Amino acid sequence: MPIIRNSADLSSNYIEIADFYHKIKEPVFLTRNGEDDLAIMSIETYEEMSGCNELYRLIQEGIDDIENGRILTKDEVINNMKLALGK
């Protein structure tokens, strides 16, 4: 369930709100004039979400490679590694 706060709270209660963002591990949505305006989160939450997004992107890239036949056998991988290491 999203947490929603009024944007006016940000200027008048910054320290309280910043502490709150660090305690919860999800974005907080701010409204302006009753309309959705911003999503704010701690740096820690942002970095975690960014890491998850990167993982999802890499997984999708792997799925795309499999679906498009861009795969190697175990022996091909081992031979490529040996070539890269100069063995």
PDB file of N, CA and C in Angstrom:
ATOM      1  N   MET A   1       0.853  -1.170   0.000  1.00  0.00           N
ATOM      2  CA  MET A   1       0.000   0.000   0.000  1.00  0.00           C
ATOM      3  C   MET A   1       0.902   1.237   0.000  1.00  0.00           C
ATOM      4  N   PRO A   2       0.777   2.122  -0.982  1.00  0.00           N
ATOM      5  CA  PRO A   2       1.661   3.293  -1.034  1.00  0.00           C
ATOM      6  C   PRO A   2       1.391   4.255   0.118  1.00  0.00           C
ATOM      7  N   ILE A   3       2.459   4.918   0.529  1.00  0.00           N
ATOM      8  CA  ILE A   3       2.364   5.958   1.551  1.00  0.00           C
ATOM      9  C   ILE A   3       2.283   7.285   0.819  1.00  0.00           C
ATOM     10  N   ILE A   4       1.288   8.092   1.163  1.00  0.00           N
ATOM     11  CA  ILE A   4       1.063   9.359   0.473  1.00  0.00           C
ATOM     12  C   ILE A   4       1.104  10.495   1.483  1.00  0.00           C
ATOM     13  N   ARG A   5       1.877  11.533   1.172  1.00  0.00           N
ATOM     14  CA  ARG A   5       1.975  12.708   2.031  1.00  0.00           C
ATOM     15  C   ARG A   5       1.751  13.949   1.174  1.00  0.00           C
ATOM     16  N   ASN A   6       1.347  15.023   1.812  1.00  0.00           N
ATOM     17  CA  ASN A   6       1.171  16.298   1.138  1.00  0.00           C
ATOM     18  C   ASN A   6       2.533  16.951   0.976  1.00  0.00           C
ATOM     19  N   SER A   7       2.810  17.545  -0.192  1.00  0.00           N
ATOM     20  CA  SER A   7       4.127  18.140  -0.443  1.00  0.00           C
ATOM     21  C   SER A   7       4.446  19.286   0.516  1.00  0.00           C
ATOM     22  N   ALA A   8       3.428  19.948   1.055  1.00  0.00           N
ATOM     23  CA  ALA A   8       3.673  21.025   2.019  1.00  0.00           C
ATOM     24  C   ALA A   8       4.384  20.487   3.256  1.00  0.00           C
ATOM     25  N   ASP A   9       4.161  19.207   3.581  1.00  0.00           N
ATOM     26  CA  ASP A   9       4.844  18.593   4.724  1.00  0.00           C
ATOM     27  C   ASP A   9       6.352  18.589   4.539  1.00  0.00           C
ATOM     28  N   LEU A  10       6.805  18.501   3.293  1.00  0.00           N
ATOM     29  CA  LEU A  10       8.234  18.400   3.025  1.00  0.00           C
ATOM     30  C   LEU A  10       8.984  19.625   3.523  1.00  0.00           C
ATOM     31  N   SER A  11       8.471  20.803   3.266  1.00  0.00           N
ATOM     32  CA  SER A  11       9.180  22.012   3.689  1.00  0.00           C
ATOM     33  C   SER A  11       9.026  22.282   5.173  1.00  0.00           C
ATOM     34  N   SER A  12       7.882  21.952   5.732  1.00  0.00           N
ATOM     35  CA  SER A  12       7.667  22.285   7.140  1.00  0.00           C
ATOM     36  C   SER A  12       8.150  21.202   8.095  1.00  0.00           C
ATOM     37  N   ASN A  13       8.327  19.969   7.617  1.00  0.00           N
ATOM     38  CA  ASN A  13       8.723  18.855   8.489  1.00  0.00           C
ATOM     39  C   ASN A  13       9.846  18.025   7.872  1.00  0.00           C
ATOM     40  N   TYR A  14      10.824  18.689   7.272  1.00  0.00           N
ATOM     41  CA  TYR A  14      11.847  17.962   6.517  1.00  0.00           C
ATOM     42  C   TYR A  14      12.558  16.900   7.353  1.00  0.00           C
ATOM     43  N   ILE A  15      13.043  17.255   8.526  1.00  0.00           N
ATOM     44  CA  ILE A  15      13.821  16.306   9.332  1.00  0.00           C
ATOM     45  C   ILE A  15      12.975  15.097   9.697  1.00  0.00           C
ATOM     46  N   GLU A  16      11.751  15.329  10.121  1.00  0.00           N
ATOM     47  CA  GLU A  16      10.848  14.227  10.465  1.00  0.00           C
ATOM     48  C   GLU A  16      10.594  13.330   9.253  1.00  0.00           C
ATOM     49  N   ILE A  17      10.363  13.945   8.103  1.00  0.00           N
ATOM     50  CA  ILE A  17      10.081  13.170   6.894  1.00  0.00           C
ATOM     51  C   ILE A  17      11.328  12.405   6.446  1.00  0.00           C
ATOM     52  N   ALA A  18      12.498  13.039   6.493  1.00  0.00           N
ATOM     53  CA  ALA A  18      13.738  12.360   6.104  1.00  0.00           C
ATOM     54  C   ALA A  18      13.979  11.147   6.993  1.00  0.00           C
ATOM     55  N   ASP A  19      13.780  11.302   8.294  1.00  0.00           N
ATOM     56  CA  ASP A  19      13.933  10.171   9.214  1.00  0.00           C
ATOM     57  C   ASP A  19      12.948   9.057   8.857  1.00  0.00           C
ATOM     58  N   PHE A  20      11.730   9.440   8.533  1.00  0.00           N
ATOM     59  CA  PHE A  20      10.701   8.479   8.157  1.00  0.00           C
ATOM     60  C   PHE A  20      11.112   7.690   6.911  1.00  0.00           C
ATOM     61  N   TYR A  21      11.647   8.391   5.887  1.00  0.00           N
ATOM     62  CA  TYR A  21      12.056   7.731   4.643  1.00  0.00           C
ATOM     63  C   TYR A  21      13.149   6.706   4.896  1.00  0.00           C
ATOM     64  N   HIS A  22      14.037   7.015   5.839  1.00  0.00           N
ATOM     65  CA  HIS A  22      15.124   6.085   6.135  1.00  0.00           C
ATOM     66  C   HIS A  22      14.619   4.853   6.887  1.00  0.00           C
ATOM     67  N   LYS A  23      13.537   4.989   7.625  1.00  0.00           N
ATOM     68  CA  LYS A  23      13.005   3.850   8.382  1.00  0.00           C
ATOM     69  C   LYS A  23      12.238   2.881   7.500  1.00  0.00           C
ATOM     70  N   ILE A  24      11.505   3.406   6.532  1.00  0.00           N
ATOM     71  CA  ILE A  24      10.763   2.518   5.643  1.00  0.00           C
ATOM     72  C   ILE A  24      11.629   2.233   4.432  1.00  0.00           C
ATOM     73  N   LYS A  25      11.384   1.158   3.776  1.00  0.00           N
ATOM     74  CA  LYS A  25      12.229   0.757   2.643  1.00  0.00           C
ATOM     75  C   LYS A  25      11.443   0.787   1.344  1.00  0.00           C
ATOM     76  N   GLU A  26      10.696   1.857   1.135  1.00  0.00           N
ATOM     77  CA  GLU A  26       9.921   2.013  -0.092  1.00  0.00           C
ATOM     78  C   GLU A  26       9.728   3.493  -0.369  1.00  0.00           C
ATOM     79  N   PRO A  27       9.371   3.835  -1.582  1.00  0.00           N
ATOM     80  CA  PRO A  27       9.137   5.245  -1.909  1.00  0.00           C
ATOM     81  C   PRO A  27       7.909   5.780  -1.172  1.00  0.00           C
ATOM     82  N   VAL A  28       7.939   7.068  -0.907  1.00  0.00           N
ATOM     83  CA  VAL A  28       6.781   7.771  -0.356  1.00  0.00           C
ATOM     84  C   VAL A  28       6.307   8.717  -1.448  1.00  0.00           C
ATOM     85  N   PHE A  29       5.013   8.725  -1.707  1.00  0.00           N
ATOM     86  CA  PHE A  29       4.448   9.546  -2.762  1.00  0.00           C
ATOM     87  C   PHE A  29       3.944  10.853  -2.182  1.00  0.00           C
ATOM     88  N   LEU A  30       4.330  11.960  -2.823  1.00  0.00           N
ATOM     89  CA  LEU A  30       3.891  13.285  -2.395  1.00  0.00           C
ATOM     90  C   LEU A  30       2.850  13.813  -3.371  1.00  0.00           C
ATOM     91  N   THR A  31       1.888  14.528  -2.812  1.00  0.00           N
ATOM     92  CA  THR A  31       0.866  15.151  -3.652  1.00  0.00           C
ATOM     93  C   THR A  31       1.013  16.662  -3.598  1.00  0.00           C
ATOM     94  N   ARG A  32       0.517  17.316  -4.640  1.00  0.00           N
ATOM     95  CA  ARG A  32       0.465  18.774  -4.681  1.00  0.00           C
ATOM     96  C   ARG A  32      -0.935  19.137  -5.160  1.00  0.00           C
ATOM     97  N   ASN A  33      -1.615  19.913  -4.359  1.00  0.00           N
ATOM     98  CA  ASN A  33      -3.002  20.281  -4.670  1.00  0.00           C
ATOM     99  C   ASN A  33      -3.882  19.045  -4.895  1.00  0.00           C
ATOM    100  N   GLY A  34      -3.615  18.009  -4.112  1.00  0.00           N
ATOM    101  CA  GLY A  34      -4.416  16.789  -4.178  1.00  0.00           C
ATOM    102  C   GLY A  34      -4.092  15.867  -5.337  1.00  0.00           C
ATOM    103  N   GLU A  35      -3.070  16.205  -6.144  1.00  0.00           N
ATOM    104  CA  GLU A  35      -2.691  15.393  -7.306  1.00  0.00           C
ATOM    105  C   GLU A  35      -1.326  14.764  -7.057  1.00  0.00           C
ATOM    106  N   ASP A  36      -1.118  13.542  -7.579  1.00  0.00           N
ATOM    107  CA  ASP A  36       0.191  12.903  -7.480  1.00  0.00           C
ATOM    108  C   ASP A  36       1.247  13.822  -8.076  1.00  0.00           C
ATOM    109  N   ASP A  37       2.400  13.928  -7.381  1.00  0.00           N
ATOM    110  CA  ASP A  37       3.436  14.845  -7.841  1.00  0.00           C
ATOM    111  C   ASP A  37       4.811  14.193  -7.877  1.00  0.00           C
ATOM    112  N   LEU A  38       5.266  13.625  -6.757  1.00  0.00           N
ATOM    113  CA  LEU A  38       6.620  13.083  -6.659  1.00  0.00           C
ATOM    114  C   LEU A  38       6.630  11.766  -5.900  1.00  0.00           C
ATOM    115  N   ALA A  39       7.660  10.979  -6.162  1.00  0.00           N
ATOM    116  CA  ALA A  39       7.963   9.810  -5.337  1.00  0.00           C
ATOM    117  C   ALA A  39       9.346  10.063  -4.752  1.00  0.00           C
ATOM    118  N   ILE A  40       9.460   9.950  -3.438  1.00  0.00           N
ATOM    119  CA  ILE A  40      10.726  10.232  -2.754  1.00  0.00           C
ATOM    120  C   ILE A  40      11.114   9.015  -1.935  1.00  0.00           C
ATOM    121  N   MET A  41      12.436   8.725  -1.916  1.00  0.00           N
ATOM    122  CA  MET A  41      12.927   7.585  -1.155  1.00  0.00           C
ATOM    123  C   MET A  41      14.343   7.878  -0.683  1.00  0.00           C
ATOM    124  N   SER A  42      14.791   7.105   0.294  1.00  0.00           N
ATOM    125  CA  SER A  42      16.160   7.255   0.772  1.00  0.00           C
ATOM    126  C   SER A  42      17.129   6.772  -0.308  1.00  0.00           C
ATOM    127  N   ILE A  43      18.364   7.185  -0.204  1.00  0.00           N
ATOM    128  CA  ILE A  43      19.399   6.741  -1.143  1.00  0.00           C
ATOM    129  C   ILE A  43      19.548   5.228  -1.066  1.00  0.00           C
ATOM    130  N   GLU A  44      19.487   4.675   0.142  1.00  0.00           N
ATOM    131  CA  GLU A  44      19.618   3.230   0.309  1.00  0.00           C
ATOM    132  C   GLU A  44      18.519   2.492  -0.458  1.00  0.00           C
ATOM    133  N   THR A  45      17.289   2.983  -0.355  1.00  0.00           N
ATOM    134  CA  THR A  45      16.175   2.363  -1.064  1.00  0.00           C
ATOM    135  C   THR A  45      16.358   2.515  -2.567  1.00  0.00           C
ATOM    136  N   TYR A  46      16.799   3.691  -3.003  1.00  0.00           N
ATOM    137  CA  TYR A  46      17.042   3.925  -4.426  1.00  0.00           C
ATOM    138  C   TYR A  46      18.083   2.948  -4.966  1.00  0.00           C
ATOM    139  N   GLU A  47      19.192   2.791  -4.246  1.00  0.00           N
ATOM    140  CA  GLU A  47      20.258   1.898  -4.699  1.00  0.00           C
ATOM    141  C   GLU A  47      19.779   0.455  -4.758  1.00  0.00           C
ATOM    142  N   GLU A  48      18.989   0.050  -3.786  1.00  0.00           N
ATOM    143  CA  GLU A  48      18.441  -1.305  -3.786  1.00  0.00           C
ATOM    144  C   GLU A  48      17.505  -1.512  -4.983  1.00  0.00           C
ATOM    145  N   MET A  49      16.642  -0.549  -5.226  1.00  0.00           N
ATOM    146  CA  MET A  49      15.717  -0.654  -6.360  1.00  0.00           C
ATOM    147  C   MET A  49      16.478  -0.639  -7.683  1.00  0.00           C
ATOM    148  N   SER A  50      17.511   0.191  -7.777  1.00  0.00           N
ATOM    149  CA  SER A  50      18.313   0.248  -9.001  1.00  0.00           C
ATOM    150  C   SER A  50      19.016  -1.085  -9.237  1.00  0.00           C
ATOM    151  N   GLY A  51      19.522  -1.682  -8.166  1.00  0.00           N
ATOM    152  CA  GLY A  51      20.176  -2.988  -8.283  1.00  0.00           C
ATOM    153  C   GLY A  51      19.207  -4.057  -8.755  1.00  0.00           C
ATOM    154  N   CYS A  52      17.994  -4.031  -8.228  1.00  0.00           N
ATOM    155  CA  CYS A  52      16.968  -4.992  -8.663  1.00  0.00           C
ATOM    156  C   CYS A  52      16.642  -4.787 -10.130  1.00  0.00           C
ATOM    157  N   ASN A  53      16.503  -3.536 -10.541  1.00  0.00           N
ATOM    158  CA  ASN A  53      16.204  -3.249 -11.946  1.00  0.00           C
ATOM    159  C   ASN A  53      17.314  -3.739 -12.866  1.00  0.00           C
ATOM    160  N   GLU A  54      18.556  -3.584 -12.447  1.00  0.00           N
ATOM    161  CA  GLU A  54      19.691  -4.059 -13.245  1.00  0.00           C
ATOM    162  C   GLU A  54      19.660  -5.584 -13.329  1.00  0.00           C
ATOM    163  N   LEU A  55      19.362  -6.250 -12.220  1.00  0.00           N
ATOM    164  CA  LEU A  55      19.258  -7.707 -12.227  1.00  0.00           C
ATOM    165  C   LEU A  55      18.162  -8.169 -13.178  1.00  0.00           C
ATOM    166  N   TYR A  56      16.990  -7.533 -13.113  1.00  0.00           N
ATOM    167  CA  TYR A  56      15.894  -7.883 -14.017  1.00  0.00           C
ATOM    168  C   TYR A  56      16.297  -7.683 -15.476  1.00  0.00           C
ATOM    169  N   ARG A  57      17.041  -6.596 -15.747  1.00  0.00           N
ATOM    170  CA  ARG A  57      17.487  -6.323 -17.116  1.00  0.00           C
ATOM    171  C   ARG A  57      18.422  -7.425 -17.606  1.00  0.00           C
ATOM    172  N   LEU A  58      19.349  -7.857 -16.738  1.00  0.00           N
ATOM    173  CA  LEU A  58      20.297  -8.903 -17.122  1.00  0.00           C
ATOM    174  C   LEU A  58      19.596 -10.243 -17.324  1.00  0.00           C
ATOM    175  N   ILE A  59      18.629 -10.539 -16.473  1.00  0.00           N
ATOM    176  CA  ILE A  59      17.852 -11.771 -16.640  1.00  0.00           C
ATOM    177  C   ILE A  59      17.113 -11.736 -17.973  1.00  0.00           C
ATOM    178  N   GLN A  60      16.484 -10.614 -18.294  1.00  0.00           N
ATOM    179  CA  GLN A  60      15.763 -10.497 -19.566  1.00  0.00           C
ATOM    180  C   GLN A  60      16.718 -10.620 -20.741  1.00  0.00           C
ATOM    181  N   GLU A  61      17.912 -10.061 -20.605  1.00  0.00           N
ATOM    182  CA  GLU A  61      18.913 -10.173 -21.669  1.00  0.00           C
ATOM    183  C   GLU A  61      19.266 -11.648 -21.900  1.00  0.00           C
ATOM    184  N   GLY A  62      19.418 -12.405 -20.813  1.00  0.00           N
ATOM    185  CA  GLY A  62      19.705 -13.839 -20.934  1.00  0.00           C
ATOM    186  C   GLY A  62      18.562 -14.594 -21.575  1.00  0.00           C
ATOM    187  N   ILE A  63      17.332 -14.271 -21.189  1.00  0.00           N
ATOM    188  CA  ILE A  63      16.155 -14.907 -21.790  1.00  0.00           C
ATOM    189  C   ILE A  63      16.104 -14.596 -23.284  1.00  0.00           C
ATOM    190  N   ASP A  64      16.365 -13.340 -23.637  1.00  0.00           N
ATOM    191  CA  ASP A  64      16.374 -12.947 -25.055  1.00  0.00           C
ATOM    192  C   ASP A  64      17.439 -13.722 -25.827  1.00  0.00           C
ATOM    193  N   ASP A  65      18.633 -13.883 -25.216  1.00  0.00           N
ATOM    194  CA  ASP A  65      19.703 -14.641 -25.881  1.00  0.00           C
ATOM    195  C   ASP A  65      19.262 -16.084 -26.134  1.00  0.00           C
ATOM    196  N   ILE A  66      18.654 -16.708 -25.140  1.00  0.00           N
ATOM    197  CA  ILE A  66      18.193 -18.093 -25.310  1.00  0.00           C
ATOM    198  C   ILE A  66      17.145 -18.169 -26.405  1.00  0.00           C
ATOM    199  N   GLU A  67      16.168 -17.264 -26.365  1.00  0.00           N
ATOM    200  CA  GLU A  67      15.085 -17.276 -27.357  1.00  0.00           C
ATOM    201  C   GLU A  67      15.594 -17.038 -28.777  1.00  0.00           C
ATOM    202  N   ASN A  68      16.716 -16.321 -28.903  1.00  0.00           N
ATOM    203  CA  ASN A  68      17.264 -16.006 -30.225  1.00  0.00           C
ATOM    204  C   ASN A  68      18.443 -16.892 -30.607  1.00  0.00           C
ATOM    205  N   GLY A  69      18.639 -17.967 -29.850  1.00  0.00           N
ATOM    206  CA  GLY A  69      19.674 -18.941 -30.196  1.00  0.00           C
ATOM    207  C   GLY A  69      21.090 -18.500 -29.924  1.00  0.00           C
ATOM    208  N   ARG A  70      21.257 -17.448 -29.152  1.00  0.00           N
ATOM    209  CA  ARG A  70      22.610 -16.967 -28.824  1.00  0.00           C
ATOM    210  C   ARG A  70      23.080 -17.678 -27.554  1.00  0.00           C
ATOM    211  N   ILE A  71      23.431 -18.962 -27.723  1.00  0.00           N
ATOM    212  CA  ILE A  71      23.862 -19.768 -26.580  1.00  0.00           C
ATOM    213  C   ILE A  71      25.144 -20.504 -26.951  1.00  0.00           C
ATOM    214  N   LEU A  72      25.893 -20.903 -25.939  1.00  0.00           N
ATOM    215  CA  LEU A  72      27.109 -21.677 -26.127  1.00  0.00           C
ATOM    216  C   LEU A  72      27.009 -22.954 -25.301  1.00  0.00           C
ATOM    217  N   THR A  73      27.677 -23.987 -25.775  1.00  0.00           N
ATOM    218  CA  THR A  73      27.752 -25.206 -24.977  1.00  0.00           C
ATOM    219  C   THR A  73      28.771 -25.004 -23.863  1.00  0.00           C
ATOM    220  N   LYS A  74      28.750 -25.897 -22.908  1.00  0.00           N
ATOM    221  CA  LYS A  74      29.713 -25.836 -21.803  1.00  0.00           C
ATOM    222  C   LYS A  74      31.139 -25.868 -22.349  1.00  0.00           C
ATOM    223  N   ASP A  75      31.398 -26.749 -23.315  1.00  0.00           N
ATOM    224  CA  ASP A  75      32.742 -26.863 -23.881  1.00  0.00           C
ATOM    225  C   ASP A  75      33.162 -25.582 -24.593  1.00  0.00           C
ATOM    226  N   GLU A  76      32.230 -24.934 -25.289  1.00  0.00           N
ATOM    227  CA  GLU A  76      32.545 -23.669 -25.955  1.00  0.00           C
ATOM    228  C   GLU A  76      32.899 -22.588 -24.937  1.00  0.00           C
ATOM    229  N   VAL A  77      32.186 -22.557 -23.837  1.00  0.00           N
ATOM    230  CA  VAL A  77      32.473 -21.579 -22.786  1.00  0.00           C
ATOM    231  C   VAL A  77      33.859 -21.824 -22.205  1.00  0.00           C
ATOM    232  N   ILE A  78      34.159 -23.072 -21.909  1.00  0.00           N
ATOM    233  CA  ILE A  78      35.472 -23.408 -21.331  1.00  0.00           C
ATOM    234  C   ILE A  78      36.591 -23.067 -22.309  1.00  0.00           C
ATOM    235  N   ASN A  79      36.408 -23.395 -23.578  1.00  0.00           N
ATOM    236  CA  ASN A  79      37.432 -23.068 -24.588  1.00  0.00           C
ATOM    237  C   ASN A  79      37.613 -21.556 -24.724  1.00  0.00           C
ATOM    238  N   ASN A  80      36.524 -20.798 -24.712  1.00  0.00           N
ATOM    239  CA  ASN A  80      36.625 -19.337 -24.786  1.00  0.00           C
ATOM    240  C   ASN A  80      37.369 -18.777 -23.578  1.00  0.00           C
ATOM    241  N   MET A  81      37.111 -19.349 -22.408  1.00  0.00           N
ATOM    242  CA  MET A  81      37.804 -18.895 -21.192  1.00  0.00           C
ATOM    243  C   MET A  81      39.292 -19.194 -21.290  1.00  0.00           C
ATOM    244  N   LYS A  82      39.633 -20.368 -21.792  1.00  0.00           N
ATOM    245  CA  LYS A  82      41.045 -20.722 -21.933  1.00  0.00           C
ATOM    246  C   LYS A  82      41.739 -19.790 -22.925  1.00  0.00           C
ATOM    247  N   LEU A  83      41.051 -19.486 -24.030  1.00  0.00           N
ATOM    248  CA  LEU A  83      41.625 -18.556 -25.010  1.00  0.00           C
ATOM    249  C   LEU A  83      41.845 -17.187 -24.393  1.00  0.00           C
ATOM    250  N   ALA A  84      40.879 -16.726 -23.607  1.00  0.00           N
ATOM    251  CA  ALA A  84      40.976 -15.403 -22.981  1.00  0.00           C
ATOM    252  C   ALA A  84      42.123 -15.355 -21.979  1.00  0.00           C
ATOM    253  N   LEU A  85      42.403 -16.500 -21.346  1.00  0.00           N
ATOM    254  CA  LEU A  85      43.491 -16.556 -20.371  1.00  0.00           C
ATOM    255  C   LEU A  85      44.822 -16.916 -21.009  1.00  0.00           C
ATOM    256  N   GLY A  86      44.838 -17.157 -22.312  1.00  0.00           N
ATOM    257  CA  GLY A  86      46.076 -17.453 -23.025  1.00  0.00           C
ATOM    258  C   GLY A  86      46.568 -18.866 -22.785  1.00  0.00           C
ATOM    259  N   LYS A  87      45.676 -19.807 -22.513  1.00  0.00           N
ATOM    260  CA  LYS A  87      46.086 -21.201 -22.261  1.00  0.00           C
ATOM    261  C   LYS A  87      45.778 -22.075 -23.448  1.00  0.00           C
TER     262      LYS A  87
END
